[in-house]
């Protein structure tokens, strides 16, 4: 397992390569081969998981994911992304307006619950860092919101599979899909995506 300073050095090395090739779409093999060889040359040790380090930089907004295994660096993108983060003053104004409580469940700091300033329209969909586009969410509901896109994709897939099972009269698959889709309903997740029994 890598320690934090080692991870930082590895991330810096990846960013060094991308910054030396700005705005160029770079495939995994090219960057991985270079960082592994360069890290060994500079430190004498092995760079264990460059793929994970690249993904992490992308998730942090340092790199732009173009497609599976293809990333690029663009300093303008980074500057624009930073402009869309709430300032501490904006966060405080959002919290105050929402009475320091999650707008979904009503829990807040007085209940010992961590709260976050969340973009109503997400940053990656053009959401701006304005107080009007902000809302207070507890850590749990903020996490759920971030992962709803993935659950939406899953639900749509199971609906398609359910329809296919109906058309082919595959009772076993039909039952399985029905159970999965009922779990979505039971937990109140992605109710806006309707499936017909």
N, C-alpha and C. Protein backbone atom coordinates (compact mmCIF):
# COMPACT_ATOMS: atom_id res chain seq x y z
N UNK A 1 0.84 -1.20 0.00
CA UNK A 1 0.00 0.00 0.00
C UNK A 1 0.88 1.25 0.00
N UNK A 2 0.49 2.26 -0.81
CA UNK A 2 1.29 3.47 -0.91
C UNK A 2 0.92 4.45 0.20
N UNK A 3 1.95 5.21 0.66
CA UNK A 3 1.63 6.25 1.64
C UNK A 3 1.25 7.52 0.90
N UNK A 4 0.78 8.52 1.65
CA UNK A 4 0.27 9.75 1.02
C UNK A 4 1.33 10.50 0.24
N UNK A 5 2.58 10.59 0.77
CA UNK A 5 3.61 11.33 0.06
C UNK A 5 3.99 10.61 -1.23
N UNK A 6 3.98 9.29 -1.20
CA UNK A 6 4.28 8.51 -2.42
C UNK A 6 3.17 8.72 -3.45
N UNK A 7 1.92 8.71 -2.97
CA UNK A 7 0.78 8.95 -3.88
C UNK A 7 0.87 10.33 -4.50
N UNK A 8 1.27 11.32 -3.71
CA UNK A 8 1.40 12.69 -4.21
C UNK A 8 2.47 12.76 -5.29
N UNK A 9 3.63 12.12 -5.05
CA UNK A 9 4.71 12.10 -6.05
C UNK A 9 4.24 11.43 -7.33
N UNK A 10 3.49 10.34 -7.19
CA UNK A 10 2.99 9.62 -8.36
C UNK A 10 2.00 10.49 -9.14
N UNK A 11 1.11 11.16 -8.43
CA UNK A 11 0.13 12.04 -9.08
C UNK A 11 0.84 13.19 -9.77
N UNK A 12 1.87 13.75 -9.12
CA UNK A 12 2.64 14.85 -9.71
C UNK A 12 3.32 14.40 -11.00
N UNK A 13 3.82 13.17 -11.02
CA UNK A 13 4.48 12.64 -12.21
C UNK A 13 3.49 12.47 -13.37
N UNK A 14 2.31 11.96 -13.07
CA UNK A 14 1.27 11.82 -14.10
C UNK A 14 0.92 13.20 -14.65
N UNK A 15 0.70 14.16 -13.74
CA UNK A 15 0.33 15.50 -14.18
C UNK A 15 1.46 16.16 -14.98
N UNK A 16 2.70 15.86 -14.64
CA UNK A 16 3.84 16.40 -15.38
C UNK A 16 3.74 15.99 -16.85
N UNK A 17 3.42 14.72 -17.09
CA UNK A 17 3.32 14.23 -18.47
C UNK A 17 2.16 14.90 -19.20
N UNK A 18 1.01 14.96 -18.54
CA UNK A 18 -0.16 15.59 -19.18
C UNK A 18 0.07 17.08 -19.45
N UNK A 19 0.71 17.76 -18.50
CA UNK A 19 0.97 19.20 -18.68
C UNK A 19 1.98 19.46 -19.80
N UNK A 20 2.88 18.48 -20.02
CA UNK A 20 3.83 18.60 -21.12
C UNK A 20 3.18 18.28 -22.48
N UNK A 21 1.96 17.74 -22.43
CA UNK A 21 1.20 17.42 -23.65
C UNK A 21 -0.23 17.96 -23.51
N UNK A 22 -0.36 19.28 -23.31
CA UNK A 22 -1.69 19.85 -23.03
C UNK A 22 -2.66 19.67 -24.21
N UNK A 23 -3.93 19.49 -23.84
CA UNK A 23 -5.04 19.40 -24.80
C UNK A 23 -4.91 18.23 -25.78
N UNK A 24 -4.00 17.30 -25.49
CA UNK A 24 -3.87 16.12 -26.35
C UNK A 24 -4.55 14.94 -25.66
N UNK A 25 -5.38 14.22 -26.41
CA UNK A 25 -6.06 13.05 -25.85
C UNK A 25 -5.06 11.90 -25.79
N UNK A 26 -4.81 11.45 -24.56
CA UNK A 26 -3.77 10.44 -24.34
C UNK A 26 -4.39 9.14 -23.85
N UNK A 27 -4.04 8.05 -24.52
CA UNK A 27 -4.56 6.73 -24.14
C UNK A 27 -3.75 6.15 -22.98
N UNK A 28 -4.41 5.31 -22.20
CA UNK A 28 -3.79 4.69 -21.02
C UNK A 28 -2.41 4.10 -21.28
N UNK A 29 -2.24 3.24 -22.30
CA UNK A 29 -0.92 2.61 -22.47
C UNK A 29 0.23 3.60 -22.58
N UNK A 30 0.00 4.71 -23.28
CA UNK A 30 1.07 5.71 -23.46
C UNK A 30 1.48 6.31 -22.12
N UNK A 31 0.52 6.79 -21.35
CA UNK A 31 0.84 7.44 -20.08
C UNK A 31 1.35 6.42 -19.05
N UNK A 32 0.73 5.24 -19.02
CA UNK A 32 1.14 4.22 -18.04
C UNK A 32 2.58 3.78 -18.30
N UNK A 33 2.92 3.49 -19.57
CA UNK A 33 4.30 3.06 -19.89
C UNK A 33 5.31 4.11 -19.47
N UNK A 34 4.98 5.40 -19.74
CA UNK A 34 5.92 6.47 -19.41
C UNK A 34 6.07 6.63 -17.90
N UNK A 35 4.94 6.71 -17.17
CA UNK A 35 5.06 6.97 -15.72
C UNK A 35 5.72 5.81 -14.99
N UNK A 36 5.44 4.58 -15.41
CA UNK A 36 6.06 3.42 -14.75
C UNK A 36 7.58 3.46 -14.94
N UNK A 37 8.02 3.69 -16.19
CA UNK A 37 9.46 3.75 -16.47
C UNK A 37 10.12 4.94 -15.77
N UNK A 38 9.46 6.12 -15.84
CA UNK A 38 10.03 7.34 -15.26
C UNK A 38 10.08 7.26 -13.73
N UNK A 39 9.04 6.69 -13.11
CA UNK A 39 9.00 6.56 -11.65
C UNK A 39 10.12 5.64 -11.17
N UNK A 40 10.33 4.54 -11.91
CA UNK A 40 11.40 3.59 -11.58
C UNK A 40 12.77 4.28 -11.69
N UNK A 41 12.93 5.07 -12.77
CA UNK A 41 14.19 5.78 -13.00
C UNK A 41 14.46 6.80 -11.90
N UNK A 42 13.42 7.52 -11.47
CA UNK A 42 13.60 8.60 -10.48
C UNK A 42 13.68 8.10 -9.04
N UNK A 43 12.93 7.04 -8.73
CA UNK A 43 12.85 6.60 -7.32
C UNK A 43 13.48 5.24 -7.06
N UNK A 44 13.65 4.45 -8.12
CA UNK A 44 14.18 3.10 -7.93
C UNK A 44 13.13 2.12 -7.43
N UNK A 45 11.87 2.58 -7.32
CA UNK A 45 10.78 1.71 -6.86
C UNK A 45 9.72 1.58 -7.95
N UNK A 46 8.79 0.65 -7.72
CA UNK A 46 7.76 0.35 -8.71
C UNK A 46 6.51 1.18 -8.45
N UNK A 47 5.95 1.74 -9.52
CA UNK A 47 4.66 2.46 -9.47
C UNK A 47 3.60 1.37 -9.57
N UNK A 48 2.92 1.08 -8.45
CA UNK A 48 2.05 -0.09 -8.36
C UNK A 48 0.76 -0.03 -9.19
N UNK A 49 0.03 1.07 -9.12
CA UNK A 49 -1.29 1.10 -9.77
C UNK A 49 -1.53 2.44 -10.48
N UNK A 50 -0.83 2.67 -11.60
CA UNK A 50 -1.00 3.95 -12.28
C UNK A 50 -2.42 4.17 -12.80
N UNK A 51 -3.12 3.09 -13.18
CA UNK A 51 -4.50 3.23 -13.67
C UNK A 51 -5.39 3.89 -12.62
N UNK A 52 -5.27 3.42 -11.37
CA UNK A 52 -6.09 3.97 -10.29
C UNK A 52 -5.73 5.44 -10.05
N UNK A 53 -4.43 5.74 -10.11
CA UNK A 53 -3.98 7.13 -9.88
C UNK A 53 -4.53 8.06 -10.97
N UNK A 54 -4.57 7.60 -12.21
CA UNK A 54 -5.10 8.41 -13.31
C UNK A 54 -6.60 8.63 -13.11
N UNK A 55 -7.32 7.56 -12.77
CA UNK A 55 -8.77 7.68 -12.52
C UNK A 55 -9.04 8.68 -11.40
N UNK A 56 -8.24 8.61 -10.34
CA UNK A 56 -8.43 9.50 -9.19
C UNK A 56 -8.23 10.96 -9.60
N UNK A 57 -7.21 11.23 -10.42
CA UNK A 57 -6.98 12.60 -10.90
C UNK A 57 -8.15 13.08 -11.74
N UNK A 58 -8.75 12.18 -12.50
CA UNK A 58 -9.92 12.53 -13.30
C UNK A 58 -11.11 12.84 -12.40
N UNK A 59 -11.31 12.00 -11.38
CA UNK A 59 -12.43 12.21 -10.45
C UNK A 59 -12.28 13.52 -9.68
N UNK A 60 -11.04 13.92 -9.43
CA UNK A 60 -10.77 15.17 -8.72
C UNK A 60 -10.88 16.39 -9.64
N UNK A 61 -11.05 16.14 -10.95
CA UNK A 61 -11.20 17.23 -11.90
C UNK A 61 -9.89 17.77 -12.46
N UNK A 62 -8.78 17.06 -12.21
CA UNK A 62 -7.48 17.51 -12.73
C UNK A 62 -7.28 17.10 -14.19
N UNK A 63 -7.93 16.01 -14.57
CA UNK A 63 -7.86 15.51 -15.95
C UNK A 63 -9.28 15.38 -16.48
N UNK A 64 -9.43 15.48 -17.79
CA UNK A 64 -10.73 15.33 -18.43
C UNK A 64 -10.80 13.92 -19.02
N UNK A 65 -11.82 13.16 -18.64
CA UNK A 65 -12.00 11.84 -19.22
C UNK A 65 -12.73 12.00 -20.55
N UNK A 66 -12.09 11.57 -21.64
CA UNK A 66 -12.66 11.68 -22.98
C UNK A 66 -13.51 10.46 -23.29
N UNK A 67 -12.96 9.30 -23.02
CA UNK A 67 -13.67 8.03 -23.18
C UNK A 67 -12.93 7.01 -22.33
N UNK A 68 -13.35 5.77 -22.37
CA UNK A 68 -12.71 4.75 -21.52
C UNK A 68 -11.22 4.68 -21.85
N UNK A 69 -10.39 4.96 -20.84
CA UNK A 69 -8.95 4.86 -21.01
C UNK A 69 -8.31 6.00 -21.78
N UNK A 70 -9.04 7.09 -22.02
CA UNK A 70 -8.49 8.24 -22.75
C UNK A 70 -8.75 9.51 -21.94
N UNK A 71 -7.67 10.24 -21.63
CA UNK A 71 -7.76 11.45 -20.81
C UNK A 71 -6.96 12.58 -21.45
N UNK A 72 -7.28 13.82 -21.04
CA UNK A 72 -6.47 14.95 -21.47
C UNK A 72 -6.44 16.01 -20.37
N UNK A 73 -5.44 16.88 -20.48
CA UNK A 73 -5.28 17.99 -19.55
C UNK A 73 -5.53 19.28 -20.31
N UNK A 74 -6.33 20.16 -19.72
CA UNK A 74 -6.60 21.47 -20.31
C UNK A 74 -6.67 22.48 -19.17
N UNK A 75 -5.70 23.39 -19.12
CA UNK A 75 -5.64 24.35 -18.02
C UNK A 75 -6.88 25.24 -17.97
N UNK A 76 -7.49 25.53 -19.12
CA UNK A 76 -8.72 26.34 -19.14
C UNK A 76 -9.86 25.61 -18.46
N UNK A 77 -9.95 24.29 -18.66
CA UNK A 77 -10.98 23.48 -18.01
C UNK A 77 -10.81 23.53 -16.49
N UNK A 78 -9.57 23.41 -16.04
CA UNK A 78 -9.30 23.44 -14.59
C UNK A 78 -9.70 24.78 -14.01
N UNK A 79 -9.36 25.87 -14.69
CA UNK A 79 -9.72 27.21 -14.20
C UNK A 79 -11.23 27.38 -14.14
N UNK A 80 -11.91 26.94 -15.19
CA UNK A 80 -13.38 27.06 -15.23
C UNK A 80 -14.02 26.21 -14.14
N UNK A 81 -13.46 25.02 -13.89
CA UNK A 81 -14.01 24.13 -12.87
C UNK A 81 -13.90 24.80 -11.50
N UNK A 82 -12.75 25.44 -11.24
CA UNK A 82 -12.55 26.10 -9.95
C UNK A 82 -13.53 27.25 -9.77
N UNK A 83 -13.89 27.91 -10.87
CA UNK A 83 -14.86 29.00 -10.78
C UNK A 83 -16.24 28.51 -10.36
N UNK A 84 -16.52 27.23 -10.60
CA UNK A 84 -17.86 26.70 -10.30
C UNK A 84 -17.95 26.02 -8.94
N UNK A 85 -16.91 26.13 -8.12
CA UNK A 85 -16.99 25.64 -6.75
C UNK A 85 -17.52 26.77 -5.87
N UNK A 86 -18.34 26.43 -4.87
CA UNK A 86 -18.84 27.44 -3.95
C UNK A 86 -17.71 27.99 -3.09
N UNK A 87 -17.71 29.28 -2.85
CA UNK A 87 -16.77 29.87 -1.90
C UNK A 87 -17.30 29.56 -0.49
N UNK A 88 -16.45 29.76 0.50
CA UNK A 88 -16.89 29.53 1.89
C UNK A 88 -18.04 30.47 2.25
N UNK A 89 -18.00 31.71 1.74
CA UNK A 89 -19.07 32.67 2.00
C UNK A 89 -20.39 32.19 1.39
N UNK A 90 -20.33 31.68 0.16
CA UNK A 90 -21.54 31.16 -0.49
C UNK A 90 -22.10 29.96 0.27
N UNK A 91 -21.21 29.06 0.68
CA UNK A 91 -21.66 27.88 1.45
C UNK A 91 -22.41 28.31 2.69
N UNK A 92 -21.83 29.27 3.41
CA UNK A 92 -22.45 29.75 4.65
C UNK A 92 -23.83 30.36 4.36
N UNK A 93 -23.94 31.11 3.26
CA UNK A 93 -25.22 31.73 2.88
C UNK A 93 -26.26 30.65 2.54
N UNK A 94 -25.84 29.61 1.88
CA UNK A 94 -26.75 28.49 1.52
C UNK A 94 -27.21 27.79 2.80
N UNK A 95 -26.26 27.49 3.68
CA UNK A 95 -26.60 26.82 4.95
C UNK A 95 -27.58 27.66 5.77
N UNK A 96 -27.27 28.95 5.86
CA UNK A 96 -28.12 29.86 6.65
C UNK A 96 -29.54 29.90 6.06
N UNK A 97 -29.64 30.05 4.74
CA UNK A 97 -30.95 30.09 4.09
C UNK A 97 -31.75 28.81 4.37
N UNK A 98 -31.06 27.65 4.39
CA UNK A 98 -31.72 26.37 4.60
C UNK A 98 -31.75 25.95 6.08
N UNK A 99 -31.48 26.92 6.97
CA UNK A 99 -31.49 26.67 8.43
C UNK A 99 -30.55 25.56 8.87
N UNK A 100 -29.42 25.43 8.15
CA UNK A 100 -28.39 24.44 8.49
C UNK A 100 -28.96 23.02 8.54
N UNK A 101 -29.95 22.78 7.66
CA UNK A 101 -30.60 21.45 7.62
C UNK A 101 -30.66 20.93 6.19
N UNK A 102 -30.57 19.62 6.05
CA UNK A 102 -30.70 18.96 4.76
C UNK A 102 -32.10 19.22 4.21
N UNK A 103 -32.20 19.66 2.96
CA UNK A 103 -33.51 19.96 2.37
C UNK A 103 -34.31 18.69 2.08
N UNK A 104 -33.66 17.53 2.14
CA UNK A 104 -34.36 16.26 1.88
C UNK A 104 -34.93 15.67 3.17
N UNK A 105 -34.07 15.51 4.18
CA UNK A 105 -34.50 14.81 5.40
C UNK A 105 -34.70 15.72 6.61
N UNK A 106 -34.21 16.97 6.54
CA UNK A 106 -34.39 17.91 7.64
C UNK A 106 -33.35 17.79 8.74
N UNK A 107 -32.43 16.83 8.63
CA UNK A 107 -31.39 16.69 9.66
C UNK A 107 -30.27 17.67 9.38
N UNK A 108 -29.60 18.10 10.48
CA UNK A 108 -28.54 19.08 10.30
C UNK A 108 -27.53 19.05 11.41
N UNK A 109 -26.82 20.15 11.52
CA UNK A 109 -25.73 20.24 12.50
C UNK A 109 -26.22 20.02 13.93
N UNK A 110 -27.42 20.51 14.25
CA UNK A 110 -27.94 20.34 15.62
C UNK A 110 -28.16 18.88 15.96
N UNK A 111 -28.34 18.06 14.90
CA UNK A 111 -28.52 16.61 15.10
C UNK A 111 -27.18 15.87 15.02
N UNK A 112 -26.09 16.65 14.89
CA UNK A 112 -24.77 16.03 14.77
C UNK A 112 -24.50 15.47 13.39
N UNK A 113 -25.22 15.97 12.38
CA UNK A 113 -25.10 15.47 11.01
C UNK A 113 -24.25 16.44 10.18
N UNK A 114 -23.33 15.88 9.42
CA UNK A 114 -22.48 16.69 8.54
C UNK A 114 -23.32 17.19 7.36
N UNK A 115 -23.18 18.48 7.04
CA UNK A 115 -23.95 19.05 5.91
C UNK A 115 -23.00 19.53 4.81
N UNK A 116 -23.53 19.52 3.58
CA UNK A 116 -22.74 19.93 2.41
C UNK A 116 -23.53 20.95 1.60
N UNK A 117 -22.83 21.85 0.94
CA UNK A 117 -23.46 22.75 -0.04
C UNK A 117 -23.40 22.03 -1.38
N UNK A 118 -24.56 21.75 -1.94
CA UNK A 118 -24.65 20.95 -3.16
C UNK A 118 -25.16 21.79 -4.32
N UNK A 119 -24.62 21.56 -5.51
CA UNK A 119 -25.12 22.20 -6.73
C UNK A 119 -26.42 21.50 -7.14
N UNK A 120 -27.54 22.24 -7.22
CA UNK A 120 -28.81 21.65 -7.65
C UNK A 120 -28.66 21.15 -9.09
N UNK A 121 -28.24 22.04 -9.98
CA UNK A 121 -27.85 21.60 -11.33
C UNK A 121 -26.36 21.30 -11.24
N UNK A 122 -25.96 20.05 -11.46
CA UNK A 122 -24.56 19.65 -11.25
C UNK A 122 -23.57 20.46 -12.09
N UNK A 123 -22.35 20.58 -11.54
CA UNK A 123 -21.30 21.32 -12.23
C UNK A 123 -21.02 20.73 -13.61
N UNK A 124 -21.01 19.38 -13.69
CA UNK A 124 -20.67 18.76 -14.97
C UNK A 124 -21.78 18.90 -16.01
N UNK A 125 -22.94 19.44 -15.59
CA UNK A 125 -24.01 19.74 -16.54
C UNK A 125 -24.18 21.26 -16.71
N UNK A 126 -23.15 21.99 -16.32
CA UNK A 126 -23.18 23.44 -16.51
C UNK A 126 -23.71 24.23 -15.32
N UNK A 127 -23.93 23.56 -14.19
CA UNK A 127 -24.44 24.25 -13.01
C UNK A 127 -23.44 25.26 -12.47
N UNK A 128 -23.92 26.44 -12.17
CA UNK A 128 -23.07 27.53 -11.72
C UNK A 128 -22.97 27.56 -10.19
N UNK A 129 -21.90 28.18 -9.71
CA UNK A 129 -21.70 28.33 -8.27
C UNK A 129 -22.41 29.60 -7.82
N UNK A 130 -23.75 29.53 -7.79
CA UNK A 130 -24.55 30.65 -7.30
C UNK A 130 -25.37 30.16 -6.12
N UNK A 131 -25.75 31.07 -5.25
CA UNK A 131 -26.55 30.69 -4.08
C UNK A 131 -27.87 30.08 -4.52
N UNK A 132 -28.47 30.63 -5.60
CA UNK A 132 -29.73 30.08 -6.12
C UNK A 132 -29.59 28.64 -6.60
N UNK A 133 -28.39 28.27 -7.06
CA UNK A 133 -28.16 26.90 -7.55
C UNK A 133 -27.60 26.01 -6.44
N UNK A 134 -27.65 26.49 -5.21
CA UNK A 134 -27.13 25.72 -4.09
C UNK A 134 -28.23 25.24 -3.17
N UNK A 135 -27.99 24.11 -2.54
CA UNK A 135 -28.91 23.58 -1.53
C UNK A 135 -28.09 22.85 -0.47
N UNK A 136 -28.67 22.75 0.71
CA UNK A 136 -28.00 22.04 1.79
C UNK A 136 -28.45 20.59 1.78
N UNK A 137 -27.47 19.69 1.74
CA UNK A 137 -27.75 18.25 1.84
C UNK A 137 -26.90 17.66 2.95
N UNK A 138 -27.46 16.67 3.63
CA UNK A 138 -26.65 15.93 4.60
C UNK A 138 -25.68 15.06 3.79
N UNK A 139 -24.65 14.56 4.45
CA UNK A 139 -23.64 13.76 3.75
C UNK A 139 -24.27 12.57 3.04
N UNK A 140 -25.25 11.92 3.69
CA UNK A 140 -25.89 10.73 3.10
C UNK A 140 -26.64 11.08 1.82
N UNK A 141 -27.44 12.15 1.86
CA UNK A 141 -28.22 12.50 0.67
C UNK A 141 -27.35 13.09 -0.43
N UNK A 142 -26.27 13.74 -0.07
CA UNK A 142 -25.33 14.23 -1.07
C UNK A 142 -24.68 13.05 -1.80
N UNK A 143 -24.29 12.04 -1.02
CA UNK A 143 -23.69 10.83 -1.60
C UNK A 143 -24.69 10.13 -2.52
N UNK A 144 -25.94 10.00 -2.04
CA UNK A 144 -26.98 9.35 -2.86
C UNK A 144 -27.19 10.10 -4.16
N UNK A 145 -27.24 11.43 -4.08
CA UNK A 145 -27.48 12.22 -5.30
C UNK A 145 -26.37 11.98 -6.32
N UNK A 146 -25.12 11.96 -5.85
CA UNK A 146 -23.99 11.76 -6.75
C UNK A 146 -24.06 10.39 -7.42
N UNK A 147 -24.62 9.42 -6.73
CA UNK A 147 -24.65 8.07 -7.28
C UNK A 147 -25.94 7.74 -8.00
N UNK A 148 -26.94 8.65 -7.98
CA UNK A 148 -28.21 8.38 -8.64
C UNK A 148 -28.06 8.20 -10.14
N UNK A 149 -27.11 8.90 -10.77
CA UNK A 149 -26.91 8.72 -12.21
C UNK A 149 -26.60 7.27 -12.51
N UNK A 150 -25.76 6.67 -11.68
CA UNK A 150 -25.40 5.27 -11.88
C UNK A 150 -26.61 4.38 -11.64
N UNK A 151 -27.41 4.69 -10.63
CA UNK A 151 -28.58 3.86 -10.37
C UNK A 151 -29.62 4.04 -11.46
N UNK A 152 -29.70 5.23 -12.05
CA UNK A 152 -30.61 5.45 -13.18
C UNK A 152 -30.24 4.55 -14.35
N UNK A 153 -28.95 4.50 -14.65
CA UNK A 153 -28.47 3.65 -15.74
C UNK A 153 -28.83 2.20 -15.46
N UNK A 154 -28.62 1.78 -14.21
CA UNK A 154 -28.95 0.40 -13.83
C UNK A 154 -30.43 0.11 -13.97
N UNK A 155 -31.26 1.04 -13.51
CA UNK A 155 -32.71 0.82 -13.58
C UNK A 155 -33.17 0.72 -15.03
N UNK A 156 -32.67 1.61 -15.88
CA UNK A 156 -33.05 1.56 -17.29
C UNK A 156 -32.64 0.24 -17.92
N UNK A 157 -31.46 -0.26 -17.54
CA UNK A 157 -30.99 -1.53 -18.08
C UNK A 157 -31.92 -2.67 -17.65
N UNK A 158 -32.32 -2.68 -16.36
CA UNK A 158 -33.21 -3.75 -15.88
C UNK A 158 -34.60 -3.64 -16.51
N UNK A 159 -35.05 -2.42 -16.81
CA UNK A 159 -36.34 -2.27 -17.51
C UNK A 159 -36.25 -2.87 -18.90
N UNK A 160 -35.14 -2.59 -19.61
CA UNK A 160 -34.96 -3.17 -20.95
C UNK A 160 -34.90 -4.69 -20.88
N UNK A 161 -34.19 -5.19 -19.88
CA UNK A 161 -34.06 -6.64 -19.69
C UNK A 161 -35.42 -7.26 -19.36
N UNK A 162 -36.19 -6.54 -18.54
CA UNK A 162 -37.54 -6.99 -18.16
C UNK A 162 -38.43 -7.10 -19.40
N UNK A 163 -38.38 -6.07 -20.27
CA UNK A 163 -39.17 -6.08 -21.50
C UNK A 163 -38.75 -7.22 -22.42
N UNK A 164 -37.45 -7.47 -22.51
CA UNK A 164 -36.93 -8.57 -23.33
C UNK A 164 -37.41 -9.90 -22.78
N UNK A 165 -37.36 -10.06 -21.45
CA UNK A 165 -37.81 -11.31 -20.83
C UNK A 165 -39.30 -11.53 -21.07
N UNK A 166 -40.08 -10.42 -21.06
CA UNK A 166 -41.52 -10.53 -21.36
C UNK A 166 -41.74 -11.02 -22.79
N UNK A 167 -41.00 -10.44 -23.73
CA UNK A 167 -41.20 -10.79 -25.14
C UNK A 167 -40.74 -12.21 -25.45
N UNK A 168 -39.74 -12.71 -24.72
CA UNK A 168 -39.26 -14.08 -24.96
C UNK A 168 -39.89 -15.09 -23.99
N UNK A 169 -40.76 -14.57 -23.11
CA UNK A 169 -41.45 -15.40 -22.12
C UNK A 169 -40.46 -16.17 -21.21
N UNK A 170 -39.36 -15.50 -20.86
CA UNK A 170 -38.36 -16.08 -19.97
C UNK A 170 -38.77 -15.76 -18.53
N UNK A 171 -39.51 -16.67 -17.92
CA UNK A 171 -40.11 -16.44 -16.60
C UNK A 171 -39.05 -16.22 -15.50
N UNK A 172 -37.96 -16.96 -15.58
CA UNK A 172 -36.92 -16.84 -14.56
C UNK A 172 -36.29 -15.43 -14.60
N UNK A 173 -35.93 -14.98 -15.80
CA UNK A 173 -35.35 -13.65 -15.94
C UNK A 173 -36.37 -12.56 -15.60
N UNK A 174 -37.61 -12.80 -15.98
CA UNK A 174 -38.70 -11.86 -15.69
C UNK A 174 -38.83 -11.66 -14.18
N UNK A 175 -38.82 -12.77 -13.45
CA UNK A 175 -38.93 -12.71 -11.99
C UNK A 175 -37.75 -11.99 -11.35
N UNK A 176 -36.56 -12.27 -11.87
CA UNK A 176 -35.35 -11.63 -11.35
C UNK A 176 -35.41 -10.10 -11.54
N UNK A 177 -35.74 -9.68 -12.77
CA UNK A 177 -35.81 -8.24 -13.07
C UNK A 177 -36.89 -7.56 -12.23
N UNK A 178 -38.01 -8.24 -12.06
CA UNK A 178 -39.11 -7.69 -11.27
C UNK A 178 -38.66 -7.44 -9.83
N UNK A 179 -37.95 -8.42 -9.27
CA UNK A 179 -37.45 -8.28 -7.89
C UNK A 179 -36.50 -7.08 -7.77
N UNK A 180 -35.59 -6.95 -8.74
CA UNK A 180 -34.63 -5.84 -8.70
C UNK A 180 -35.36 -4.51 -8.80
N UNK A 181 -36.30 -4.41 -9.72
CA UNK A 181 -37.03 -3.15 -9.93
C UNK A 181 -37.90 -2.81 -8.72
N UNK A 182 -38.40 -3.82 -8.03
CA UNK A 182 -39.19 -3.57 -6.82
C UNK A 182 -38.31 -3.03 -5.68
N UNK A 183 -37.02 -3.41 -5.68
CA UNK A 183 -36.08 -2.88 -4.67
C UNK A 183 -35.92 -1.36 -4.88
N UNK A 184 -35.85 -0.94 -6.16
CA UNK A 184 -35.79 0.50 -6.45
C UNK A 184 -37.02 1.19 -5.85
N UNK A 185 -38.22 0.62 -6.09
CA UNK A 185 -39.47 1.22 -5.59
C UNK A 185 -39.49 1.25 -4.07
N UNK A 186 -39.13 0.14 -3.46
CA UNK A 186 -39.17 0.02 -2.00
C UNK A 186 -38.29 1.08 -1.33
N UNK A 187 -37.16 1.42 -1.98
CA UNK A 187 -36.23 2.39 -1.41
C UNK A 187 -36.43 3.80 -1.94
N UNK A 188 -37.45 3.98 -2.78
CA UNK A 188 -37.75 5.32 -3.31
C UNK A 188 -36.64 5.90 -4.16
N UNK A 189 -35.97 5.05 -4.93
CA UNK A 189 -34.86 5.51 -5.77
C UNK A 189 -35.29 5.55 -7.23
N UNK A 190 -35.03 6.69 -7.89
CA UNK A 190 -35.31 6.88 -9.32
C UNK A 190 -36.77 6.62 -9.66
N UNK A 191 -37.68 7.13 -8.83
CA UNK A 191 -39.11 6.97 -9.08
C UNK A 191 -39.60 7.64 -10.34
N UNK A 192 -38.81 8.60 -10.86
CA UNK A 192 -39.19 9.29 -12.10
C UNK A 192 -39.04 8.40 -13.33
N UNK A 193 -38.32 7.29 -13.17
CA UNK A 193 -38.18 6.33 -14.29
C UNK A 193 -39.22 5.23 -14.05
N UNK A 194 -40.25 5.21 -14.90
CA UNK A 194 -41.40 4.33 -14.69
C UNK A 194 -41.22 3.03 -15.48
N UNK A 195 -41.57 1.92 -14.85
CA UNK A 195 -41.59 0.64 -15.57
C UNK A 195 -42.97 0.03 -15.48
N UNK A 196 -43.40 -0.60 -16.56
CA UNK A 196 -44.73 -1.20 -16.61
C UNK A 196 -44.63 -2.69 -16.35
N UNK A 197 -45.42 -3.15 -15.39
CA UNK A 197 -45.41 -4.59 -15.09
C UNK A 197 -46.07 -5.37 -16.19
